[in-house]
Amino acid sequence: MIAGLYAVTRETDDTALLMRQVEQAIRGGASVVQYRDKSGDVARQHEQASELVRLCHRHDVLFIVNDHLRLADLVGADGLHIGRDDGSLREARIVLGHDRLIGVSCYQSLELALSAQAAGADYVAFGSFFPSGTKPLAERADIALLYHAAHVIHRPIVAIGGITLQNADQLIMAGADAVAVVSALFDSDDIQDTAHQFAELFFDETED
């Protein structure tokens, strides 16, 4: 189940640092970790993903690989996240089977999300909702999109893009089941505490 704090890793060649940061995020309450590395360094990607999948499984946290189908399959990831240029959902399903998750970036398009749902996606992601340091040129999504999606998408909905502790509650109230966070989590002075505060937003919403 994709829900809560969905932590997306920063790209780094410091594997030890990466592991420490992700473990802090998990201890704080991250329920999903996505490994994102666009460097093209195959050896590094395999090393880091292999270590991360062991860490995540030790804590019963889902481990998702961004973009790289072969890497996700090789390291035994729980799933794959794909965008418009990352290959087809059909190909990913053939390789990964039905026991592993496939998430699809749908950007600002409800139509893309409906198509992904019909094609068998396990979750969909919308964004960027706020200015993002990770993808500064990304087009912005309107929060109203989440309200509409919540009525017709019967899969978990992930919101991404410039999400902070100050704006995440808007997205959760609008219908996001999970918030994908990079900078506000991994650039914080206390990753574990920040992760805990993000996770608490979902408990607060449930209580309401």
N, C-alpha and C. Protein backbone atom coordinates (compact mmCIF):
# COMPACT_ATOMS: atom_id res chain seq x y z
N MET A 1 0.84 -1.20 0.00
CA MET A 1 0.00 0.00 0.00
C MET A 1 0.88 1.24 0.00
N ILE A 2 0.65 2.12 -0.95
CA ILE A 2 1.37 3.39 -1.02
C ILE A 2 0.58 4.43 -0.23
N ALA A 3 1.15 4.87 0.88
CA ALA A 3 0.48 5.86 1.72
C ALA A 3 1.49 6.51 2.64
N GLY A 4 1.20 7.77 3.03
CA GLY A 4 2.07 8.45 3.98
C GLY A 4 3.24 9.16 3.32
N LEU A 5 4.35 9.18 4.04
CA LEU A 5 5.56 9.85 3.54
C LEU A 5 6.30 8.94 2.56
N TYR A 6 6.45 9.43 1.35
CA TYR A 6 7.12 8.73 0.25
C TYR A 6 8.44 9.47 0.02
N ALA A 7 9.52 8.93 0.56
CA ALA A 7 10.82 9.60 0.52
C ALA A 7 11.55 9.30 -0.78
N VAL A 8 11.98 10.34 -1.48
CA VAL A 8 12.70 10.19 -2.74
C VAL A 8 14.15 10.62 -2.52
N THR A 9 15.09 9.73 -2.80
CA THR A 9 16.49 9.98 -2.46
C THR A 9 17.12 11.06 -3.32
N ARG A 10 18.14 11.69 -2.74
CA ARG A 10 18.99 12.61 -3.49
C ARG A 10 20.08 11.82 -4.20
N GLU A 11 20.51 12.31 -5.34
CA GLU A 11 21.59 11.66 -6.08
C GLU A 11 22.92 11.99 -5.42
N THR A 12 23.72 10.96 -5.10
CA THR A 12 25.01 11.18 -4.45
C THR A 12 25.92 9.99 -4.72
N ASP A 13 27.23 10.25 -4.72
CA ASP A 13 28.18 9.14 -4.85
C ASP A 13 28.66 8.67 -3.49
N ASP A 14 28.13 9.28 -2.42
CA ASP A 14 28.49 8.90 -1.06
C ASP A 14 27.45 7.89 -0.55
N THR A 15 27.72 6.62 -0.78
CA THR A 15 26.75 5.58 -0.43
C THR A 15 26.50 5.50 1.07
N ALA A 16 27.56 5.66 1.86
CA ALA A 16 27.40 5.60 3.31
C ALA A 16 26.47 6.71 3.80
N LEU A 17 26.65 7.92 3.27
CA LEU A 17 25.78 9.04 3.63
C LEU A 17 24.34 8.76 3.22
N LEU A 18 24.17 8.26 2.01
CA LEU A 18 22.83 7.93 1.51
C LEU A 18 22.13 6.96 2.44
N MET A 19 22.83 5.92 2.85
CA MET A 19 22.25 4.92 3.73
C MET A 19 21.86 5.52 5.07
N ARG A 20 22.72 6.37 5.63
CA ARG A 20 22.41 6.99 6.92
C ARG A 20 21.16 7.86 6.82
N GLN A 21 21.11 8.65 5.75
CA GLN A 21 19.98 9.55 5.59
C GLN A 21 18.67 8.79 5.41
N VAL A 22 18.70 7.75 4.59
CA VAL A 22 17.48 6.97 4.35
C VAL A 22 17.05 6.26 5.63
N GLU A 23 18.00 5.73 6.37
CA GLU A 23 17.62 5.06 7.62
C GLU A 23 16.97 6.05 8.59
N GLN A 24 17.49 7.28 8.64
CA GLN A 24 16.88 8.29 9.49
C GLN A 24 15.45 8.58 9.04
N ALA A 25 15.25 8.67 7.72
CA ALA A 25 13.90 8.92 7.20
C ALA A 25 12.95 7.77 7.56
N ILE A 26 13.44 6.56 7.44
CA ILE A 26 12.62 5.39 7.79
C ILE A 26 12.28 5.39 9.27
N ARG A 27 13.27 5.66 10.10
CA ARG A 27 13.02 5.67 11.55
C ARG A 27 12.03 6.78 11.93
N GLY A 28 11.99 7.82 11.13
CA GLY A 28 11.04 8.90 11.39
C GLY A 28 9.63 8.59 10.93
N GLY A 29 9.48 7.62 10.04
CA GLY A 29 8.14 7.25 9.62
C GLY A 29 7.89 7.16 8.13
N ALA A 30 8.94 7.27 7.30
CA ALA A 30 8.74 7.08 5.86
C ALA A 30 8.24 5.67 5.60
N SER A 31 7.20 5.54 4.80
CA SER A 31 6.62 4.22 4.51
C SER A 31 7.05 3.69 3.16
N VAL A 32 7.58 4.58 2.32
CA VAL A 32 8.06 4.22 0.98
C VAL A 32 9.36 4.97 0.73
N VAL A 33 10.33 4.29 0.11
CA VAL A 33 11.57 4.93 -0.31
C VAL A 33 11.73 4.70 -1.80
N GLN A 34 11.92 5.79 -2.54
CA GLN A 34 12.21 5.66 -3.97
C GLN A 34 13.66 6.05 -4.22
N TYR A 35 14.36 5.15 -4.89
CA TYR A 35 15.75 5.43 -5.26
C TYR A 35 15.76 6.08 -6.64
N ARG A 36 16.29 7.32 -6.67
CA ARG A 36 16.34 8.07 -7.92
C ARG A 36 17.78 8.47 -8.21
N ASP A 37 18.33 7.97 -9.31
CA ASP A 37 19.70 8.30 -9.69
C ASP A 37 19.79 8.34 -11.20
N LYS A 38 20.01 9.52 -11.75
CA LYS A 38 20.05 9.71 -13.20
C LYS A 38 21.49 9.81 -13.71
N SER A 39 22.47 9.41 -12.90
CA SER A 39 23.87 9.62 -13.24
C SER A 39 24.35 8.77 -14.41
N GLY A 40 23.75 7.62 -14.60
CA GLY A 40 24.24 6.70 -15.62
C GLY A 40 25.38 5.82 -15.14
N ASP A 41 25.76 5.97 -13.88
CA ASP A 41 26.81 5.14 -13.29
C ASP A 41 26.19 3.82 -12.84
N VAL A 42 26.27 2.83 -13.71
CA VAL A 42 25.58 1.56 -13.48
C VAL A 42 26.08 0.85 -12.23
N ALA A 43 27.39 0.86 -12.02
CA ALA A 43 27.96 0.19 -10.85
C ALA A 43 27.47 0.83 -9.56
N ARG A 44 27.47 2.16 -9.53
CA ARG A 44 27.00 2.87 -8.34
C ARG A 44 25.53 2.61 -8.09
N GLN A 45 24.75 2.66 -9.14
CA GLN A 45 23.31 2.44 -9.01
C GLN A 45 23.02 1.04 -8.45
N HIS A 46 23.74 0.05 -8.94
CA HIS A 46 23.51 -1.31 -8.47
C HIS A 46 23.93 -1.46 -7.01
N GLU A 47 25.07 -0.87 -6.65
CA GLU A 47 25.54 -0.95 -5.28
C GLU A 47 24.55 -0.28 -4.32
N GLN A 48 24.14 0.93 -4.66
CA GLN A 48 23.26 1.68 -3.77
C GLN A 48 21.88 1.05 -3.68
N ALA A 49 21.33 0.65 -4.81
CA ALA A 49 20.00 0.04 -4.79
C ALA A 49 20.01 -1.27 -4.02
N SER A 50 21.07 -2.05 -4.16
CA SER A 50 21.18 -3.33 -3.45
C SER A 50 21.21 -3.12 -1.94
N GLU A 51 21.96 -2.10 -1.50
CA GLU A 51 22.03 -1.82 -0.07
C GLU A 51 20.71 -1.24 0.44
N LEU A 52 20.09 -0.39 -0.35
CA LEU A 52 18.85 0.23 0.08
C LEU A 52 17.71 -0.77 0.19
N VAL A 53 17.64 -1.71 -0.74
CA VAL A 53 16.55 -2.68 -0.66
C VAL A 53 16.67 -3.53 0.59
N ARG A 54 17.89 -3.85 0.98
CA ARG A 54 18.07 -4.61 2.23
C ARG A 54 17.66 -3.78 3.44
N LEU A 55 18.05 -2.51 3.42
CA LEU A 55 17.69 -1.61 4.53
C LEU A 55 16.17 -1.48 4.64
N CYS A 56 15.53 -1.23 3.52
CA CYS A 56 14.07 -1.04 3.53
C CYS A 56 13.35 -2.30 3.99
N HIS A 57 13.77 -3.44 3.50
CA HIS A 57 13.09 -4.68 3.87
C HIS A 57 13.32 -5.04 5.33
N ARG A 58 14.47 -4.63 5.85
CA ARG A 58 14.73 -4.86 7.27
C ARG A 58 13.73 -4.09 8.13
N HIS A 59 13.24 -2.97 7.61
CA HIS A 59 12.29 -2.14 8.36
C HIS A 59 10.86 -2.26 7.83
N ASP A 60 10.61 -3.22 6.95
CA ASP A 60 9.27 -3.42 6.36
C ASP A 60 8.76 -2.17 5.65
N VAL A 61 9.66 -1.53 4.92
CA VAL A 61 9.32 -0.34 4.14
C VAL A 61 9.43 -0.69 2.66
N LEU A 62 8.50 -0.18 1.86
CA LEU A 62 8.54 -0.45 0.41
C LEU A 62 9.71 0.27 -0.24
N PHE A 63 10.37 -0.44 -1.17
CA PHE A 63 11.49 0.14 -1.90
C PHE A 63 11.15 0.17 -3.39
N ILE A 64 11.14 1.37 -3.95
CA ILE A 64 10.79 1.60 -5.35
C ILE A 64 12.00 2.16 -6.09
N VAL A 65 12.23 1.70 -7.30
CA VAL A 65 13.30 2.24 -8.14
C VAL A 65 12.68 3.16 -9.19
N ASN A 66 13.25 4.33 -9.34
CA ASN A 66 12.79 5.27 -10.36
C ASN A 66 13.43 4.95 -11.70
N ASP A 67 12.59 4.79 -12.72
CA ASP A 67 13.06 4.79 -14.11
C ASP A 67 13.68 3.48 -14.59
N HIS A 68 14.54 2.82 -13.79
CA HIS A 68 15.36 1.73 -14.31
C HIS A 68 14.72 0.37 -14.07
N LEU A 69 14.05 -0.14 -15.09
CA LEU A 69 13.35 -1.42 -14.99
C LEU A 69 14.31 -2.55 -14.68
N ARG A 70 15.40 -2.63 -15.40
CA ARG A 70 16.36 -3.73 -15.19
C ARG A 70 16.94 -3.69 -13.78
N LEU A 71 17.26 -2.50 -13.29
CA LEU A 71 17.80 -2.38 -11.95
C LEU A 71 16.78 -2.83 -10.91
N ALA A 72 15.54 -2.41 -11.07
CA ALA A 72 14.48 -2.81 -10.14
C ALA A 72 14.35 -4.32 -10.09
N ASP A 73 14.44 -4.95 -11.24
CA ASP A 73 14.32 -6.40 -11.30
C ASP A 73 15.53 -7.09 -10.69
N LEU A 74 16.72 -6.58 -10.99
CA LEU A 74 17.96 -7.21 -10.52
C LEU A 74 18.08 -7.20 -9.00
N VAL A 75 17.70 -6.09 -8.37
CA VAL A 75 17.92 -5.98 -6.92
C VAL A 75 16.72 -6.46 -6.10
N GLY A 76 15.66 -6.85 -6.77
CA GLY A 76 14.49 -7.33 -6.05
C GLY A 76 13.70 -6.23 -5.39
N ALA A 77 13.60 -5.09 -6.06
CA ALA A 77 12.83 -3.97 -5.54
C ALA A 77 11.35 -4.34 -5.46
N ASP A 78 10.62 -3.63 -4.61
CA ASP A 78 9.18 -3.87 -4.48
C ASP A 78 8.41 -3.27 -5.65
N GLY A 79 9.07 -2.40 -6.41
CA GLY A 79 8.37 -1.81 -7.52
C GLY A 79 9.22 -0.85 -8.32
N LEU A 80 8.57 -0.27 -9.32
CA LEU A 80 9.21 0.64 -10.27
C LEU A 80 8.32 1.84 -10.46
N HIS A 81 8.94 3.02 -10.59
CA HIS A 81 8.19 4.22 -10.92
C HIS A 81 8.65 4.71 -12.29
N ILE A 82 7.69 4.94 -13.18
CA ILE A 82 8.04 5.34 -14.54
C ILE A 82 7.36 6.65 -14.93
N GLY A 83 8.06 7.41 -15.78
CA GLY A 83 7.52 8.64 -16.34
C GLY A 83 7.26 8.45 -17.82
N ARG A 84 6.99 9.55 -18.49
CA ARG A 84 6.59 9.45 -19.90
C ARG A 84 7.72 8.95 -20.81
N ASP A 85 8.98 9.10 -20.38
CA ASP A 85 10.10 8.69 -21.22
C ASP A 85 10.83 7.46 -20.69
N ASP A 86 10.20 6.74 -19.76
CA ASP A 86 10.91 5.65 -19.07
C ASP A 86 10.46 4.25 -19.49
N GLY A 87 9.86 4.13 -20.65
CA GLY A 87 9.40 2.81 -21.08
C GLY A 87 7.93 2.61 -20.75
N SER A 88 7.38 1.51 -21.24
CA SER A 88 5.94 1.30 -21.11
C SER A 88 5.58 0.53 -19.86
N LEU A 89 4.37 0.78 -19.40
CA LEU A 89 3.85 0.05 -18.25
C LEU A 89 3.71 -1.43 -18.60
N ARG A 90 3.31 -1.70 -19.82
CA ARG A 90 3.13 -3.09 -20.25
C ARG A 90 4.45 -3.87 -20.17
N GLU A 91 5.54 -3.26 -20.65
CA GLU A 91 6.85 -3.92 -20.59
C GLU A 91 7.26 -4.15 -19.14
N ALA A 92 7.05 -3.14 -18.31
CA ALA A 92 7.42 -3.27 -16.90
C ALA A 92 6.64 -4.39 -16.24
N ARG A 93 5.35 -4.52 -16.55
CA ARG A 93 4.53 -5.56 -15.95
C ARG A 93 5.00 -6.95 -16.40
N ILE A 94 5.39 -7.08 -17.64
CA ILE A 94 5.88 -8.36 -18.14
C ILE A 94 7.13 -8.79 -17.37
N VAL A 95 8.03 -7.83 -17.14
CA VAL A 95 9.29 -8.14 -16.46
C VAL A 95 9.09 -8.36 -14.96
N LEU A 96 8.31 -7.49 -14.33
CA LEU A 96 8.18 -7.52 -12.87
C LEU A 96 7.06 -8.43 -12.37
N GLY A 97 6.13 -8.76 -13.24
CA GLY A 97 5.02 -9.59 -12.81
C GLY A 97 3.98 -8.78 -12.05
N HIS A 98 3.02 -9.48 -11.46
CA HIS A 98 1.91 -8.80 -10.79
C HIS A 98 2.11 -8.68 -9.29
N ASP A 99 3.21 -9.20 -8.79
CA ASP A 99 3.45 -9.13 -7.34
C ASP A 99 4.23 -7.88 -6.94
N ARG A 100 4.70 -7.14 -7.93
CA ARG A 100 5.45 -5.92 -7.62
C ARG A 100 4.71 -4.70 -8.16
N LEU A 101 4.96 -3.57 -7.52
CA LEU A 101 4.21 -2.35 -7.81
C LEU A 101 4.79 -1.59 -8.99
N ILE A 102 3.91 -0.96 -9.74
CA ILE A 102 4.33 -0.05 -10.80
C ILE A 102 3.55 1.25 -10.64
N GLY A 103 4.30 2.33 -10.46
CA GLY A 103 3.70 3.65 -10.34
C GLY A 103 4.00 4.47 -11.58
N VAL A 104 3.10 5.38 -11.91
CA VAL A 104 3.23 6.15 -13.14
C VAL A 104 3.09 7.64 -12.86
N SER A 105 4.03 8.43 -13.36
CA SER A 105 3.92 9.89 -13.29
C SER A 105 2.89 10.36 -14.29
N CYS A 106 1.91 11.12 -13.81
CA CYS A 106 0.84 11.62 -14.69
C CYS A 106 0.85 13.14 -14.78
N TYR A 107 1.83 13.77 -14.15
CA TYR A 107 2.08 15.20 -14.28
C TYR A 107 0.84 16.01 -13.89
N GLN A 108 0.26 16.73 -14.86
CA GLN A 108 -0.93 17.54 -14.57
C GLN A 108 -2.17 16.97 -15.25
N SER A 109 -2.13 15.69 -15.63
CA SER A 109 -3.16 15.13 -16.50
C SER A 109 -3.99 14.04 -15.83
N LEU A 110 -5.25 14.32 -15.63
CA LEU A 110 -6.17 13.31 -15.13
C LEU A 110 -6.37 12.22 -16.18
N GLU A 111 -6.34 12.60 -17.45
CA GLU A 111 -6.51 11.63 -18.53
C GLU A 111 -5.39 10.59 -18.52
N LEU A 112 -4.15 11.04 -18.30
CA LEU A 112 -3.04 10.10 -18.20
C LEU A 112 -3.24 9.15 -17.03
N ALA A 113 -3.74 9.67 -15.94
CA ALA A 113 -3.96 8.84 -14.76
C ALA A 113 -5.03 7.80 -15.03
N LEU A 114 -6.09 8.19 -15.70
CA LEU A 114 -7.15 7.23 -16.03
C LEU A 114 -6.64 6.15 -16.97
N SER A 115 -5.79 6.54 -17.91
CA SER A 115 -5.21 5.56 -18.83
C SER A 115 -4.27 4.62 -18.08
N ALA A 116 -3.48 5.17 -17.15
CA ALA A 116 -2.56 4.34 -16.37
C ALA A 116 -3.35 3.36 -15.50
N GLN A 117 -4.41 3.84 -14.90
CA GLN A 117 -5.25 2.97 -14.08
C GLN A 117 -5.82 1.83 -14.92
N ALA A 118 -6.33 2.15 -16.10
CA ALA A 118 -6.91 1.14 -16.98
C ALA A 118 -5.86 0.13 -17.43
N ALA A 119 -4.61 0.59 -17.55
CA ALA A 119 -3.53 -0.29 -18.01
C ALA A 119 -2.93 -1.12 -16.88
N GLY A 120 -3.39 -0.88 -15.63
CA GLY A 120 -2.94 -1.71 -14.52
C GLY A 120 -1.92 -1.10 -13.60
N ALA A 121 -1.76 0.23 -13.63
CA ALA A 121 -0.83 0.87 -12.69
C ALA A 121 -1.31 0.65 -11.26
N ASP A 122 -0.36 0.51 -10.35
CA ASP A 122 -0.71 0.30 -8.94
C ASP A 122 -0.88 1.60 -8.18
N TYR A 123 -0.28 2.67 -8.68
CA TYR A 123 -0.52 4.01 -8.12
C TYR A 123 -0.17 5.04 -9.18
N VAL A 124 -0.67 6.25 -9.01
CA VAL A 124 -0.37 7.34 -9.94
C VAL A 124 0.18 8.52 -9.15
N ALA A 125 0.98 9.35 -9.82
CA ALA A 125 1.58 10.52 -9.18
C ALA A 125 1.28 11.76 -10.01
N PHE A 126 0.94 12.84 -9.31
CA PHE A 126 0.69 14.13 -9.95
C PHE A 126 1.65 15.18 -9.40
N GLY A 127 1.97 16.18 -10.23
CA GLY A 127 2.83 17.28 -9.80
C GLY A 127 3.41 17.99 -11.02
N SER A 128 4.13 19.04 -10.81
CA SER A 128 4.63 19.57 -9.57
C SER A 128 3.63 20.58 -8.99
N PHE A 129 3.31 20.43 -7.70
CA PHE A 129 2.31 21.30 -7.10
C PHE A 129 2.89 22.63 -6.63
N PHE A 130 4.16 22.64 -6.30
CA PHE A 130 4.82 23.86 -5.82
C PHE A 130 6.18 23.96 -6.51
N PRO A 131 6.82 25.12 -6.48
CA PRO A 131 8.15 25.25 -7.08
C PRO A 131 9.10 24.21 -6.50
N SER A 132 9.82 23.53 -7.39
CA SER A 132 10.67 22.41 -6.97
C SER A 132 12.13 22.66 -7.30
N GLY A 133 12.99 22.48 -6.31
CA GLY A 133 14.42 22.60 -6.56
C GLY A 133 14.95 21.42 -7.34
N THR A 134 14.31 20.26 -7.21
CA THR A 134 14.74 19.07 -7.94
C THR A 134 14.43 19.18 -9.42
N LYS A 135 13.23 19.72 -9.74
CA LYS A 135 12.83 19.93 -11.13
C LYS A 135 12.29 21.36 -11.27
N PRO A 136 13.18 22.34 -11.33
CA PRO A 136 12.75 23.74 -11.33
C PRO A 136 11.92 24.14 -12.55
N LEU A 137 12.05 23.43 -13.65
CA LEU A 137 11.32 23.79 -14.87
C LEU A 137 10.02 23.01 -15.03
N ALA A 138 9.69 22.18 -14.06
CA ALA A 138 8.49 21.37 -14.17
C ALA A 138 7.24 22.24 -14.19
N GLU A 139 6.28 21.86 -15.03
CA GLU A 139 5.00 22.56 -15.07
C GLU A 139 4.26 22.33 -13.76
N ARG A 140 3.42 23.30 -13.39
CA ARG A 140 2.72 23.23 -12.12
C ARG A 140 1.36 22.55 -12.29
N ALA A 141 0.99 21.79 -11.30
CA ALA A 141 -0.32 21.15 -11.23
C ALA A 141 -1.19 21.93 -10.25
N ASP A 142 -2.48 22.01 -10.53
CA ASP A 142 -3.42 22.67 -9.65
C ASP A 142 -3.89 21.69 -8.59
N ILE A 143 -3.99 22.16 -7.35
CA ILE A 143 -4.43 21.28 -6.27
C ILE A 143 -5.82 20.72 -6.54
N ALA A 144 -6.64 21.45 -7.30
CA ALA A 144 -7.99 20.96 -7.62
C ALA A 144 -7.93 19.63 -8.37
N LEU A 145 -6.82 19.37 -9.04
CA LEU A 145 -6.65 18.10 -9.74
C LEU A 145 -6.80 16.92 -8.78
N LEU A 146 -6.31 17.08 -7.57
CA LEU A 146 -6.40 16.00 -6.59
C LEU A 146 -7.84 15.72 -6.19
N TYR A 147 -8.64 16.76 -6.06
CA TYR A 147 -10.06 16.57 -5.73
C TYR A 147 -10.75 15.75 -6.82
N HIS A 148 -10.49 16.12 -8.07
CA HIS A 148 -11.12 15.40 -9.18
C HIS A 148 -10.62 13.96 -9.25
N ALA A 149 -9.31 13.79 -9.09
CA ALA A 149 -8.73 12.45 -9.19
C ALA A 149 -9.25 11.52 -8.10
N ALA A 150 -9.45 12.05 -6.90
CA ALA A 150 -9.90 11.22 -5.79
C ALA A 150 -11.25 10.57 -6.05
N HIS A 151 -12.04 11.13 -6.95
CA HIS A 151 -13.36 10.58 -7.25
C HIS A 151 -13.34 9.53 -8.36
N VAL A 152 -12.30 9.53 -9.17
CA VAL A 152 -12.32 8.61 -10.32
C VAL A 152 -11.10 7.68 -10.38
N ILE A 153 -10.09 7.95 -9.59
CA ILE A 153 -8.92 7.09 -9.54
C ILE A 153 -9.03 6.19 -8.32
N HIS A 154 -9.04 4.90 -8.55
CA HIS A 154 -9.21 3.94 -7.47
C HIS A 154 -7.90 3.23 -7.15
N ARG A 155 -6.85 4.00 -7.22
CA ARG A 155 -5.51 3.57 -6.86
C ARG A 155 -4.93 4.65 -5.95
N PRO A 156 -3.90 4.35 -5.17
CA PRO A 156 -3.28 5.40 -4.37
C PRO A 156 -2.79 6.56 -5.23
N ILE A 157 -2.95 7.76 -4.71
CA ILE A 157 -2.55 8.98 -5.41
C ILE A 157 -1.39 9.63 -4.66
N VAL A 158 -0.30 9.87 -5.38
CA VAL A 158 0.90 10.48 -4.80
C VAL A 158 1.04 11.90 -5.34
N ALA A 159 1.28 12.85 -4.45
CA ALA A 159 1.55 14.23 -4.86
C ALA A 159 3.05 14.49 -4.73
N ILE A 160 3.59 15.26 -5.67
CA ILE A 160 5.04 15.53 -5.67
C ILE A 160 5.29 16.95 -6.16
N GLY A 161 6.44 17.49 -5.76
CA GLY A 161 6.87 18.77 -6.29
C GLY A 161 6.85 19.90 -5.29
N GLY A 162 8.00 20.20 -4.68
CA GLY A 162 8.12 21.34 -3.78
C GLY A 162 7.35 21.19 -2.48
N ILE A 163 7.11 19.97 -2.06
CA ILE A 163 6.29 19.74 -0.87
C ILE A 163 7.10 19.94 0.41
N THR A 164 6.50 20.69 1.33
CA THR A 164 7.14 20.99 2.61
C THR A 164 6.16 20.69 3.74
N LEU A 165 6.64 20.82 4.96
CA LEU A 165 5.75 20.65 6.11
C LEU A 165 4.68 21.73 6.16
N GLN A 166 4.93 22.85 5.51
CA GLN A 166 3.99 23.95 5.55
C GLN A 166 2.87 23.81 4.51
N ASN A 167 3.09 23.05 3.45
CA ASN A 167 2.05 22.96 2.40
C ASN A 167 1.50 21.55 2.18
N ALA A 168 2.10 20.54 2.81
CA ALA A 168 1.68 19.16 2.56
C ALA A 168 0.23 18.91 2.95
N ASP A 169 -0.24 19.55 4.03
CA ASP A 169 -1.59 19.27 4.51
C ASP A 169 -2.65 19.65 3.46
N GLN A 170 -2.37 20.67 2.64
CA GLN A 170 -3.31 21.05 1.58
C GLN A 170 -3.52 19.90 0.60
N LEU A 171 -2.44 19.22 0.29
CA LEU A 171 -2.50 18.12 -0.68
C LEU A 171 -3.18 16.90 -0.08
N ILE A 172 -2.91 16.65 1.18
CA ILE A 172 -3.53 15.50 1.85
C ILE A 172 -5.04 15.72 1.96
N MET A 173 -5.45 16.92 2.34
CA MET A 173 -6.88 17.21 2.44
C MET A 173 -7.56 17.16 1.08
N ALA A 174 -6.82 17.45 0.02
CA ALA A 174 -7.39 17.44 -1.32
C ALA A 174 -7.52 16.03 -1.89
N GLY A 175 -6.84 15.05 -1.27
CA GLY A 175 -7.00 13.68 -1.75
C GLY A 175 -5.73 12.89 -1.96
N ALA A 176 -4.58 13.48 -1.67
CA ALA A 176 -3.33 12.72 -1.83
C ALA A 176 -3.20 11.67 -0.72
N ASP A 177 -2.92 10.44 -1.14
CA ASP A 177 -2.69 9.35 -0.18
C ASP A 177 -1.26 9.36 0.33
N ALA A 178 -0.36 9.95 -0.45
CA ALA A 178 1.06 10.01 -0.08
C ALA A 178 1.64 11.29 -0.64
N VAL A 179 2.70 11.78 0.02
CA VAL A 179 3.43 12.94 -0.50
C VAL A 179 4.88 12.52 -0.72
N ALA A 180 5.37 12.76 -1.92
CA ALA A 180 6.75 12.43 -2.27
C ALA A 180 7.62 13.64 -1.99
N VAL A 181 8.64 13.45 -1.17
CA VAL A 181 9.45 14.58 -0.70
C VAL A 181 10.93 14.29 -0.90
N VAL A 182 11.65 15.29 -1.40
CA VAL A 182 13.10 15.19 -1.57
C VAL A 182 13.77 16.23 -0.65
N SER A 183 13.81 17.47 -1.10
CA SER A 183 14.58 18.52 -0.43
C SER A 183 14.14 18.79 0.99
N ALA A 184 12.83 18.93 1.21
CA ALA A 184 12.35 19.29 2.55
C ALA A 184 12.68 18.21 3.57
N LEU A 185 12.92 17.01 3.09
CA LEU A 185 13.29 15.91 3.99
C LEU A 185 14.80 15.79 4.11
N PHE A 186 15.48 15.57 3.00
CA PHE A 186 16.90 15.25 3.05
C PHE A 186 17.82 16.45 3.21
N ASP A 187 17.29 17.66 3.06
CA ASP A 187 18.09 18.86 3.34
C ASP A 187 17.84 19.39 4.74
N SER A 188 16.99 18.75 5.49
CA SER A 188 16.67 19.25 6.83
C SER A 188 17.80 18.93 7.81
N ASP A 189 17.86 19.69 8.88
CA ASP A 189 18.90 19.48 9.89
C ASP A 189 18.69 18.19 10.67
N ASP A 190 17.44 17.77 10.80
CA ASP A 190 17.11 16.55 11.53
C ASP A 190 16.15 15.73 10.68
N ILE A 191 16.69 14.83 9.87
CA ILE A 191 15.88 14.07 8.91
C ILE A 191 14.84 13.22 9.63
N GLN A 192 15.23 12.58 10.71
CA GLN A 192 14.30 11.70 11.41
C GLN A 192 13.11 12.49 11.96
N ASP A 193 13.38 13.62 12.57
CA ASP A 193 12.30 14.43 13.12
C ASP A 193 11.41 14.99 12.02
N THR A 194 12.00 15.42 10.92
CA THR A 194 11.22 15.94 9.80
C THR A 194 10.32 14.85 9.23
N ALA A 195 10.87 13.65 9.07
CA ALA A 195 10.07 12.53 8.58
C ALA A 195 8.91 12.25 9.52
N HIS A 196 9.18 12.32 10.81
CA HIS A 196 8.13 12.09 11.80
C HIS A 196 7.02 13.13 11.67
N GLN A 197 7.40 14.37 11.45
CA GLN A 197 6.40 15.43 11.31
C GLN A 197 5.56 15.23 10.05
N PHE A 198 6.18 14.80 8.96
CA PHE A 198 5.41 14.50 7.75
C PHE A 198 4.45 13.34 8.00
N ALA A 199 4.94 12.28 8.63
CA ALA A 199 4.10 11.11 8.90
C ALA A 199 2.92 11.47 9.79
N GLU A 200 3.14 12.37 10.74
CA GLU A 200 2.08 12.77 11.66
C GLU A 200 0.95 13.49 10.94
N LEU A 201 1.24 14.15 9.83
CA LEU A 201 0.19 14.84 9.07
C LEU A 201 -0.89 13.87 8.62
N PHE A 202 -0.50 12.65 8.31
CA PHE A 202 -1.47 11.66 7.85
C PHE A 202 -2.30 11.12 9.01
N PHE A 203 -1.69 10.96 10.16
CA PHE A 203 -2.43 10.54 11.34
C PHE A 203 -3.43 11.61 11.76
N ASP A 204 -3.01 12.87 11.67
CA ASP A 204 -3.91 13.98 12.02
C ASP A 204 -5.12 14.01 11.10
N GLU A 205 -4.88 13.74 9.81
CA GLU A 205 -5.98 13.74 8.83
C GLU A 205 -6.93 12.59 9.12
N THR A 206 -6.39 11.42 9.50
CA THR A 206 -7.23 10.28 9.82
C THR A 206 -8.11 10.56 11.03
N GLU A 207 -7.52 11.21 12.02
CA GLU A 207 -8.26 11.54 13.24
C GLU A 207 -9.37 12.53 12.97
N ASP A 208 -9.12 13.46 12.03
CA ASP A 208 -10.15 14.44 11.70
C ASP A 208 -11.35 13.78 11.03
